[in-house]
Amino acid sequence: MALRSRDLALVAVGGALGAISRYAVGTAVPHSAAGWPWATFSVNVIASLAIGVLAGWAYWRHAAHWVRPLLMSGFLGGFSTFSAFAVDTVALTESGHGGLAAAYVVVTLVACVGAVGMGTVVAQTLWRHP
């Protein structure tokens, strides 16, 4: 499937807005290398919930074509951050907080997968017709 210029532009705009939003959250909620990375954790859980809702909405309501590139791949892709999650985990480990790092990994994975599941349930409840 060929990439379309319009889709690339939508992903770029959404990604820029998502990354700026993530940066704002990270600035507003700073943390130390020895503390729970609340900013990264929060954006990843929020993005997971939102993508569950949007995926369900797009599926059951046959959303406009622009929804996926702008909101899902773009905004939520720019807002969520696996790389910061990995860096936070390594920083916790290197600062002697291996137990907290392990808890962070487990809690983040469970929370994010659970949030996607909750999002799809919300979407089904709101938009799926019997």
N, C-alpha and C. Protein backbone atom coordinates (compact mmCIF):
# COMPACT_ATOMS: atom_id res chain seq x y z
N MET A 1 0.85 -1.18 0.00
CA MET A 1 0.00 0.00 0.00
C MET A 1 0.89 1.24 0.00
N ALA A 2 0.67 2.12 -0.91
CA ALA A 2 1.49 3.32 -1.05
C ALA A 2 1.11 4.36 0.01
N LEU A 3 2.12 5.05 0.50
CA LEU A 3 1.87 6.14 1.43
C LEU A 3 1.31 7.33 0.67
N ARG A 4 0.28 7.93 1.23
CA ARG A 4 -0.32 9.09 0.59
C ARG A 4 0.13 10.35 1.30
N SER A 5 0.39 11.39 0.54
CA SER A 5 0.87 12.65 1.09
C SER A 5 -0.08 13.20 2.15
N ARG A 6 -1.36 13.07 1.91
CA ARG A 6 -2.36 13.57 2.87
C ARG A 6 -2.24 12.83 4.20
N ASP A 7 -2.10 11.51 4.14
CA ASP A 7 -1.96 10.73 5.36
C ASP A 7 -0.68 11.09 6.11
N LEU A 8 0.41 11.25 5.37
CA LEU A 8 1.67 11.64 6.01
C LEU A 8 1.55 12.99 6.69
N ALA A 9 0.86 13.92 6.05
CA ALA A 9 0.65 15.23 6.66
C ALA A 9 -0.19 15.13 7.93
N LEU A 10 -1.22 14.29 7.90
CA LEU A 10 -2.06 14.10 9.08
C LEU A 10 -1.27 13.48 10.22
N VAL A 11 -0.45 12.47 9.91
CA VAL A 11 0.39 11.85 10.94
C VAL A 11 1.37 12.87 11.51
N ALA A 12 1.96 13.68 10.64
CA ALA A 12 2.93 14.68 11.09
C ALA A 12 2.29 15.72 12.02
N VAL A 13 1.13 16.22 11.63
CA VAL A 13 0.44 17.22 12.46
C VAL A 13 0.02 16.60 13.79
N GLY A 14 -0.61 15.43 13.73
CA GLY A 14 -1.02 14.76 14.96
C GLY A 14 0.16 14.41 15.84
N GLY A 15 1.23 13.91 15.23
CA GLY A 15 2.42 13.54 15.99
C GLY A 15 3.06 14.74 16.67
N ALA A 16 3.11 15.86 15.96
CA ALA A 16 3.68 17.08 16.56
C ALA A 16 2.85 17.53 17.75
N LEU A 17 1.53 17.53 17.60
CA LEU A 17 0.66 17.93 18.71
C LEU A 17 0.75 16.96 19.88
N GLY A 18 0.84 15.67 19.58
CA GLY A 18 0.98 14.67 20.64
C GLY A 18 2.30 14.81 21.38
N ALA A 19 3.38 15.02 20.64
CA ALA A 19 4.70 15.17 21.27
C ALA A 19 4.77 16.43 22.12
N ILE A 20 4.18 17.52 21.63
CA ILE A 20 4.14 18.75 22.42
C ILE A 20 3.34 18.53 23.70
N SER A 21 2.23 17.82 23.59
CA SER A 21 1.41 17.51 24.76
C SER A 21 2.17 16.66 25.76
N ARG A 22 2.89 15.65 25.26
CA ARG A 22 3.69 14.80 26.15
C ARG A 22 4.77 15.62 26.83
N TYR A 23 5.43 16.49 26.09
CA TYR A 23 6.47 17.35 26.66
C TYR A 23 5.88 18.23 27.77
N ALA A 24 4.69 18.77 27.54
CA ALA A 24 4.03 19.60 28.54
C ALA A 24 3.75 18.82 29.81
N VAL A 25 3.28 17.59 29.67
CA VAL A 25 3.02 16.76 30.84
C VAL A 25 4.33 16.46 31.56
N GLY A 26 5.38 16.12 30.82
CA GLY A 26 6.68 15.83 31.42
C GLY A 26 7.26 17.02 32.16
N THR A 27 7.02 18.21 31.65
CA THR A 27 7.49 19.42 32.30
C THR A 27 6.67 19.73 33.55
N ALA A 28 5.38 19.50 33.48
CA ALA A 28 4.50 19.78 34.61
C ALA A 28 4.63 18.77 35.73
N VAL A 29 5.05 17.55 35.41
CA VAL A 29 5.15 16.47 36.39
C VAL A 29 6.56 15.89 36.37
N PRO A 30 7.54 16.64 36.88
CA PRO A 30 8.92 16.12 36.87
C PRO A 30 9.10 15.02 37.91
N HIS A 31 10.15 14.22 37.74
CA HIS A 31 10.45 13.18 38.72
C HIS A 31 11.96 12.97 38.80
N SER A 32 12.37 12.36 39.88
CA SER A 32 13.79 12.05 40.05
C SER A 32 14.06 10.65 39.51
N ALA A 33 15.33 10.34 39.33
CA ALA A 33 15.71 9.01 38.84
C ALA A 33 15.32 7.92 39.82
N ALA A 34 15.07 8.29 41.08
CA ALA A 34 14.74 7.30 42.10
C ALA A 34 13.24 7.24 42.40
N GLY A 35 12.43 8.02 41.68
CA GLY A 35 10.99 8.05 41.95
C GLY A 35 10.18 7.46 40.81
N TRP A 36 8.92 7.22 41.09
CA TRP A 36 8.01 6.68 40.09
C TRP A 36 7.85 7.69 38.96
N PRO A 37 8.03 7.29 37.72
CA PRO A 37 7.92 8.19 36.57
C PRO A 37 6.46 8.48 36.20
N TRP A 38 5.81 9.30 37.01
CA TRP A 38 4.38 9.53 36.84
C TRP A 38 4.01 10.11 35.49
N ALA A 39 4.81 11.01 34.96
CA ALA A 39 4.47 11.62 33.67
C ALA A 39 4.42 10.57 32.56
N THR A 40 5.48 9.78 32.45
CA THR A 40 5.53 8.75 31.41
C THR A 40 4.43 7.72 31.62
N PHE A 41 4.26 7.28 32.86
CA PHE A 41 3.23 6.31 33.18
C PHE A 41 1.85 6.85 32.78
N SER A 42 1.57 8.08 33.17
CA SER A 42 0.25 8.68 32.90
C SER A 42 -0.03 8.82 31.41
N VAL A 43 0.94 9.35 30.65
CA VAL A 43 0.67 9.53 29.22
C VAL A 43 0.47 8.19 28.53
N ASN A 44 1.21 7.17 28.94
CA ASN A 44 1.06 5.87 28.30
C ASN A 44 -0.29 5.23 28.62
N VAL A 45 -0.75 5.36 29.85
CA VAL A 45 -2.05 4.79 30.22
C VAL A 45 -3.18 5.58 29.54
N ILE A 46 -3.09 6.90 29.55
CA ILE A 46 -4.11 7.72 28.90
C ILE A 46 -4.17 7.42 27.40
N ALA A 47 -3.01 7.33 26.76
CA ALA A 47 -2.97 7.03 25.32
C ALA A 47 -3.54 5.64 25.04
N SER A 48 -3.27 4.69 25.91
CA SER A 48 -3.80 3.34 25.73
C SER A 48 -5.32 3.32 25.83
N LEU A 49 -5.86 4.01 26.81
CA LEU A 49 -7.31 4.11 26.95
C LEU A 49 -7.91 4.79 25.71
N ALA A 50 -7.30 5.89 25.31
CA ALA A 50 -7.81 6.64 24.16
C ALA A 50 -7.76 5.83 22.87
N ILE A 51 -6.70 5.08 22.67
CA ILE A 51 -6.61 4.31 21.42
C ILE A 51 -7.62 3.16 21.42
N GLY A 52 -7.93 2.62 22.60
CA GLY A 52 -8.98 1.61 22.68
C GLY A 52 -10.34 2.19 22.29
N VAL A 53 -10.64 3.38 22.81
CA VAL A 53 -11.90 4.05 22.49
C VAL A 53 -11.95 4.40 21.00
N LEU A 54 -10.87 5.01 20.50
CA LEU A 54 -10.85 5.43 19.10
C LEU A 54 -10.91 4.24 18.14
N ALA A 55 -10.21 3.17 18.46
CA ALA A 55 -10.24 1.99 17.59
C ALA A 55 -11.66 1.43 17.51
N GLY A 56 -12.33 1.36 18.65
CA GLY A 56 -13.71 0.89 18.66
C GLY A 56 -14.64 1.83 17.91
N TRP A 57 -14.46 3.12 18.11
CA TRP A 57 -15.27 4.11 17.41
C TRP A 57 -15.05 4.01 15.91
N ALA A 58 -13.79 3.93 15.51
CA ALA A 58 -13.47 3.83 14.08
C ALA A 58 -14.08 2.58 13.47
N TYR A 59 -14.07 1.48 14.22
CA TYR A 59 -14.60 0.21 13.71
C TYR A 59 -16.13 0.23 13.65
N TRP A 60 -16.78 0.59 14.76
CA TRP A 60 -18.24 0.48 14.81
C TRP A 60 -18.96 1.65 14.17
N ARG A 61 -18.32 2.76 14.05
CA ARG A 61 -18.96 3.93 13.44
C ARG A 61 -18.39 4.25 12.07
N HIS A 62 -17.51 3.38 11.60
CA HIS A 62 -16.90 3.59 10.28
C HIS A 62 -16.42 5.04 10.16
N ALA A 63 -15.54 5.39 11.06
CA ALA A 63 -15.04 6.76 11.16
C ALA A 63 -14.38 7.21 9.86
N ALA A 64 -14.34 8.50 9.70
CA ALA A 64 -13.70 9.09 8.53
C ALA A 64 -12.25 8.62 8.43
N HIS A 65 -11.75 8.62 7.22
CA HIS A 65 -10.40 8.13 6.94
C HIS A 65 -9.33 8.84 7.77
N TRP A 66 -9.51 10.12 8.05
CA TRP A 66 -8.48 10.91 8.72
C TRP A 66 -8.29 10.54 10.18
N VAL A 67 -9.24 9.82 10.79
CA VAL A 67 -9.15 9.52 12.23
C VAL A 67 -7.90 8.73 12.56
N ARG A 68 -7.64 7.67 11.82
CA ARG A 68 -6.47 6.83 12.14
C ARG A 68 -5.15 7.58 11.98
N PRO A 69 -4.87 8.21 10.82
CA PRO A 69 -3.57 8.87 10.71
C PRO A 69 -3.41 10.08 11.63
N LEU A 70 -4.44 10.87 11.81
CA LEU A 70 -4.31 12.07 12.63
C LEU A 70 -4.32 11.77 14.12
N LEU A 71 -5.31 11.03 14.56
CA LEU A 71 -5.49 10.82 16.00
C LEU A 71 -4.76 9.59 16.54
N MET A 72 -4.84 8.48 15.84
CA MET A 72 -4.26 7.24 16.38
C MET A 72 -2.76 7.17 16.13
N SER A 73 -2.35 7.12 14.87
CA SER A 73 -0.91 7.05 14.57
C SER A 73 -0.22 8.35 14.93
N GLY A 74 -0.86 9.47 14.63
CA GLY A 74 -0.26 10.78 14.85
C GLY A 74 -0.26 11.21 16.30
N PHE A 75 -1.40 11.72 16.78
CA PHE A 75 -1.45 12.29 18.12
C PHE A 75 -1.08 11.28 19.20
N LEU A 76 -1.76 10.15 19.22
CA LEU A 76 -1.49 9.18 20.29
C LEU A 76 -0.11 8.54 20.14
N GLY A 77 0.36 8.38 18.90
CA GLY A 77 1.71 7.89 18.69
C GLY A 77 2.75 8.87 19.21
N GLY A 78 2.50 10.17 19.03
CA GLY A 78 3.41 11.19 19.54
C GLY A 78 3.27 11.41 21.03
N PHE A 79 2.08 11.19 21.56
CA PHE A 79 1.81 11.41 22.98
C PHE A 79 2.38 10.29 23.84
N SER A 80 2.16 9.05 23.42
CA SER A 80 2.67 7.91 24.19
C SER A 80 4.15 7.73 23.92
N THR A 81 4.82 7.00 24.80
CA THR A 81 6.26 6.89 24.63
C THR A 81 6.82 5.62 25.24
N PHE A 82 7.16 4.68 24.39
CA PHE A 82 7.79 3.46 24.86
C PHE A 82 9.25 3.71 25.20
N SER A 83 9.91 4.56 24.44
CA SER A 83 11.33 4.81 24.67
C SER A 83 11.56 5.48 26.02
N ALA A 84 10.71 6.44 26.41
CA ALA A 84 10.86 7.06 27.72
C ALA A 84 10.58 6.04 28.83
N PHE A 85 9.63 5.16 28.60
CA PHE A 85 9.36 4.07 29.54
C PHE A 85 10.62 3.24 29.75
N ALA A 86 11.31 2.90 28.66
CA ALA A 86 12.54 2.11 28.76
C ALA A 86 13.64 2.88 29.48
N VAL A 87 13.80 4.16 29.14
CA VAL A 87 14.82 4.99 29.80
C VAL A 87 14.53 5.12 31.29
N ASP A 88 13.27 5.35 31.64
CA ASP A 88 12.90 5.45 33.06
C ASP A 88 13.20 4.16 33.81
N THR A 89 12.94 3.04 33.16
CA THR A 89 13.21 1.74 33.79
C THR A 89 14.70 1.55 34.03
N VAL A 90 15.51 1.87 33.04
CA VAL A 90 16.97 1.76 33.19
C VAL A 90 17.47 2.72 34.26
N ALA A 91 16.95 3.95 34.28
CA ALA A 91 17.37 4.93 35.28
C ALA A 91 17.06 4.45 36.69
N LEU A 92 15.89 3.87 36.88
CA LEU A 92 15.54 3.33 38.20
C LEU A 92 16.49 2.21 38.59
N THR A 93 16.79 1.33 37.66
CA THR A 93 17.70 0.21 37.92
C THR A 93 19.09 0.72 38.26
N GLU A 94 19.60 1.64 37.46
CA GLU A 94 20.96 2.16 37.68
C GLU A 94 21.08 2.98 38.95
N SER A 95 19.98 3.53 39.45
CA SER A 95 20.04 4.29 40.69
C SER A 95 19.82 3.40 41.91
N GLY A 96 19.85 2.08 41.70
CA GLY A 96 19.74 1.15 42.81
C GLY A 96 18.32 0.82 43.22
N HIS A 97 17.37 1.10 42.35
CA HIS A 97 15.97 0.83 42.66
C HIS A 97 15.41 -0.23 41.71
N GLY A 98 16.07 -1.37 41.68
CA GLY A 98 15.67 -2.46 40.80
C GLY A 98 14.27 -2.97 41.07
N GLY A 99 13.89 -3.03 42.33
CA GLY A 99 12.55 -3.48 42.68
C GLY A 99 11.48 -2.54 42.15
N LEU A 100 11.75 -1.24 42.29
CA LEU A 100 10.81 -0.24 41.77
C LEU A 100 10.76 -0.31 40.25
N ALA A 101 11.91 -0.54 39.62
CA ALA A 101 11.95 -0.68 38.16
C ALA A 101 11.11 -1.87 37.70
N ALA A 102 11.25 -2.99 38.39
CA ALA A 102 10.47 -4.18 38.04
C ALA A 102 8.98 -3.92 38.22
N ALA A 103 8.62 -3.27 39.33
CA ALA A 103 7.22 -2.94 39.57
C ALA A 103 6.69 -2.00 38.49
N TYR A 104 7.52 -1.04 38.10
CA TYR A 104 7.14 -0.08 37.06
C TYR A 104 6.84 -0.79 35.74
N VAL A 105 7.68 -1.75 35.38
CA VAL A 105 7.48 -2.51 34.15
C VAL A 105 6.16 -3.27 34.20
N VAL A 106 5.95 -4.01 35.28
CA VAL A 106 4.75 -4.84 35.40
C VAL A 106 3.49 -3.97 35.46
N VAL A 107 3.51 -2.96 36.32
CA VAL A 107 2.33 -2.11 36.48
C VAL A 107 2.00 -1.37 35.18
N THR A 108 3.03 -0.87 34.49
CA THR A 108 2.80 -0.16 33.24
C THR A 108 2.18 -1.08 32.19
N LEU A 109 2.74 -2.26 32.03
CA LEU A 109 2.20 -3.19 31.02
C LEU A 109 0.77 -3.59 31.34
N VAL A 110 0.50 -3.92 32.59
CA VAL A 110 -0.85 -4.32 32.99
C VAL A 110 -1.82 -3.15 32.83
N ALA A 111 -1.40 -1.97 33.26
CA ALA A 111 -2.27 -0.79 33.18
C ALA A 111 -2.56 -0.41 31.73
N CYS A 112 -1.56 -0.45 30.88
CA CYS A 112 -1.76 -0.05 29.48
C CYS A 112 -2.63 -1.05 28.72
N VAL A 113 -2.36 -2.32 28.89
CA VAL A 113 -3.19 -3.33 28.22
C VAL A 113 -4.61 -3.28 28.78
N GLY A 114 -4.73 -3.12 30.09
CA GLY A 114 -6.05 -2.99 30.70
C GLY A 114 -6.79 -1.76 30.21
N ALA A 115 -6.06 -0.66 30.02
CA ALA A 115 -6.68 0.57 29.54
C ALA A 115 -7.20 0.42 28.11
N VAL A 116 -6.45 -0.27 27.26
CA VAL A 116 -6.94 -0.54 25.90
C VAL A 116 -8.22 -1.37 25.97
N GLY A 117 -8.21 -2.39 26.81
CA GLY A 117 -9.40 -3.21 26.98
C GLY A 117 -10.59 -2.40 27.48
N MET A 118 -10.35 -1.54 28.47
CA MET A 118 -11.42 -0.68 28.98
C MET A 118 -11.92 0.26 27.90
N GLY A 119 -11.00 0.78 27.10
CA GLY A 119 -11.39 1.68 26.01
C GLY A 119 -12.28 1.00 25.00
N THR A 120 -11.96 -0.24 24.66
CA THR A 120 -12.81 -0.96 23.70
C THR A 120 -14.18 -1.27 24.29
N VAL A 121 -14.23 -1.53 25.59
CA VAL A 121 -15.53 -1.75 26.25
C VAL A 121 -16.35 -0.47 26.21
N VAL A 122 -15.72 0.66 26.48
CA VAL A 122 -16.42 1.95 26.40
C VAL A 122 -16.95 2.16 24.98
N ALA A 123 -16.12 1.90 23.99
CA ALA A 123 -16.54 2.07 22.60
C ALA A 123 -17.70 1.15 22.25
N GLN A 124 -17.63 -0.10 22.69
CA GLN A 124 -18.72 -1.04 22.42
C GLN A 124 -20.01 -0.55 23.06
N THR A 125 -19.90 -0.08 24.29
CA THR A 125 -21.08 0.40 25.01
C THR A 125 -21.71 1.60 24.32
N LEU A 126 -20.87 2.49 23.82
CA LEU A 126 -21.37 3.72 23.21
C LEU A 126 -21.83 3.55 21.77
N TRP A 127 -21.13 2.72 21.00
CA TRP A 127 -21.35 2.75 19.55
C TRP A 127 -21.74 1.43 18.90
N ARG A 128 -21.61 0.33 19.57
CA ARG A 128 -21.95 -0.94 18.93
C ARG A 128 -23.45 -1.16 19.04
N HIS A 129 -24.04 -1.49 17.92
CA HIS A 129 -25.47 -1.78 17.92
C HIS A 129 -25.67 -3.28 17.96
N PRO A 130 -26.65 -3.74 18.75
CA PRO A 130 -26.89 -5.20 18.84
C PRO A 130 -27.36 -5.79 17.54
